[in-house]
């Protein structure tokens, strides 16, 4: 095809980054499938849930002094 040059270096870099990101996502998905994390049970204490965040995550947020984003 006339008028078309070879793929630029930047385009190759972007495509390589896309491929790497896809591979990382696939690995994470497969990891979750093999080792499912326990879900938050409904029997969790009410005071342990802060703005939709339960357990140790709420404690970490409280220590950091950062409020979670509103939904």
C-alpha atoms as a PDB file:
ATOM      1  CA  UNK A   1       0.000   0.000   0.000  1.00  0.00           C
ATOM      2  CA  UNK A   2       1.489   3.245  -1.095  1.00  0.00           C
ATOM      3  CA  UNK A   3       1.956   6.051   1.373  1.00  0.00           C
ATOM      4  CA  UNK A   4       2.029   3.883   4.476  1.00  0.00           C
ATOM      5  CA  UNK A   5       5.196   3.774   6.468  1.00  0.00           C
ATOM      6  CA  UNK A   6       6.236   1.147   8.941  1.00  0.00           C
ATOM      7  CA  UNK A   7       4.726   1.145  12.419  1.00  0.00           C
ATOM      8  CA  UNK A   8       6.322   3.782  14.574  1.00  0.00           C
ATOM      9  CA  UNK A   9       8.299   2.933  17.659  1.00  0.00           C
ATOM     10  CA  UNK A  10       5.747   4.601  19.943  1.00  0.00           C
ATOM     11  CA  UNK A  11       2.898   2.577  18.466  1.00  0.00           C
ATOM     12  CA  UNK A  12       4.850  -0.648  19.029  1.00  0.00           C
ATOM     13  CA  UNK A  13       5.518   0.386  22.632  1.00  0.00           C
ATOM     14  CA  UNK A  14       1.829   1.109  23.260  1.00  0.00           C
ATOM     15  CA  UNK A  15       0.777  -2.207  21.760  1.00  0.00           C
ATOM     16  CA  UNK A  16       3.362  -4.046  23.886  1.00  0.00           C
ATOM     17  CA  UNK A  17       2.019  -2.298  27.009  1.00  0.00           C
ATOM     18  CA  UNK A  18      -1.527  -3.329  26.069  1.00  0.00           C
ATOM     19  CA  UNK A  19      -0.428  -6.942  25.667  1.00  0.00           C
ATOM     20  CA  UNK A  20       1.364  -6.890  29.034  1.00  0.00           C
ATOM     21  CA  UNK A  21      -1.677  -5.382  30.751  1.00  0.00           C
ATOM     22  CA  UNK A  22      -3.955  -8.028  29.216  1.00  0.00           C
ATOM     23  CA  UNK A  23      -1.587 -10.768  30.401  1.00  0.00           C
ATOM     24  CA  UNK A  24      -1.491  -9.306  33.943  1.00  0.00           C
ATOM     25  CA  UNK A  25      -5.288  -9.101  34.075  1.00  0.00           C
ATOM     26  CA  UNK A  26      -5.592 -12.684  32.865  1.00  0.00           C
ATOM     27  CA  UNK A  27      -3.123 -13.850  35.523  1.00  0.00           C
ATOM     28  CA  UNK A  28      -5.066 -11.993  38.244  1.00  0.00           C
ATOM     29  CA  UNK A  29      -8.359 -13.505  37.041  1.00  0.00           C
ATOM     30  CA  UNK A  30      -6.900 -17.002  37.028  1.00  0.00           C
ATOM     31  CA  UNK A  31      -5.428 -16.438  40.484  1.00  0.00           C
ATOM     32  CA  UNK A  32      -8.801 -15.366  41.849  1.00  0.00           C
ATOM     33  CA  UNK A  33     -10.422 -18.368  40.228  1.00  0.00           C
ATOM     34  CA  UNK A  34      -7.915 -20.752  41.863  1.00  0.00           C
ATOM     35  CA  UNK A  35      -7.823 -18.992  45.262  1.00  0.00           C
ATOM     36  CA  UNK A  36     -11.149 -17.275  45.856  1.00  0.00           C
ATOM     37  CA  UNK A  37     -11.017 -14.761  48.696  1.00  0.00           C
ATOM     38  CA  UNK A  38     -13.590 -15.147  51.440  1.00  0.00           C
ATOM     39  CA  UNK A  39     -16.497 -12.775  51.044  1.00  0.00           C
ATOM     40  CA  UNK A  40     -17.666 -10.479  53.816  1.00  0.00           C
ATOM     41  CA  UNK A  41     -20.252 -12.361  55.810  1.00  0.00           C
ATOM     42  CA  UNK A  42     -23.529 -10.825  56.858  1.00  0.00           C
ATOM     43  CA  UNK A  43     -22.773 -11.779  60.466  1.00  0.00           C
ATOM     44  CA  UNK A  44     -19.960  -9.185  60.685  1.00  0.00           C
ATOM     45  CA  UNK A  45     -20.399  -6.787  63.593  1.00  0.00           C
ATOM     46  CA  UNK A  46     -22.207  -3.611  62.607  1.00  0.00           C
ATOM     47  CA  UNK A  47     -19.532  -1.365  64.136  1.00  0.00           C
ATOM     48  CA  UNK A  48     -16.844  -3.088  61.993  1.00  0.00           C
ATOM     49  CA  UNK A  49     -18.454  -1.738  58.836  1.00  0.00           C
ATOM     50  CA  UNK A  50     -17.519   1.877  58.107  1.00  0.00           C
ATOM     51  CA  UNK A  51     -18.901   3.499  54.954  1.00  0.00           C
ATOM     52  CA  UNK A  52     -19.213   0.157  53.198  1.00  0.00           C
ATOM     53  CA  UNK A  53     -15.711  -0.978  54.204  1.00  0.00           C
ATOM     54  CA  UNK A  54     -15.399  -3.794  56.719  1.00  0.00           C
ATOM     55  CA  UNK A  55     -12.787  -5.180  59.045  1.00  0.00           C
ATOM     56  CA  UNK A  56      -9.073  -4.464  58.685  1.00  0.00           C
ATOM     57  CA  UNK A  57      -9.613  -2.164  55.703  1.00  0.00           C
ATOM     58  CA  UNK A  58     -11.731   0.150  57.862  1.00  0.00           C
ATOM     59  CA  UNK A  59      -9.029   0.140  60.542  1.00  0.00           C
ATOM     60  CA  UNK A  60      -6.351   0.977  57.972  1.00  0.00           C
ATOM     61  CA  UNK A  61      -8.456   3.826  56.602  1.00  0.00           C
ATOM     62  CA  UNK A  62      -9.072   5.156  60.119  1.00  0.00           C
ATOM     63  CA  UNK A  63      -5.336   5.041  60.928  1.00  0.00           C
ATOM     64  CA  UNK A  64      -4.460   6.860  57.729  1.00  0.00           C
ATOM     65  CA  UNK A  65      -7.066   9.504  58.425  1.00  0.00           C
ATOM     66  CA  UNK A  66      -8.462   9.198  54.906  1.00  0.00           C
ATOM     67  CA  UNK A  67     -12.154   9.008  54.261  1.00  0.00           C
ATOM     68  CA  UNK A  68     -13.330   6.608  51.526  1.00  0.00           C
ATOM     69  CA  UNK A  69     -14.794   8.065  48.369  1.00  0.00           C
ATOM     70  CA  UNK A  70     -18.566   8.543  48.422  1.00  0.00           C
ATOM     71  CA  UNK A  71     -20.552   6.227  46.192  1.00  0.00           C
END
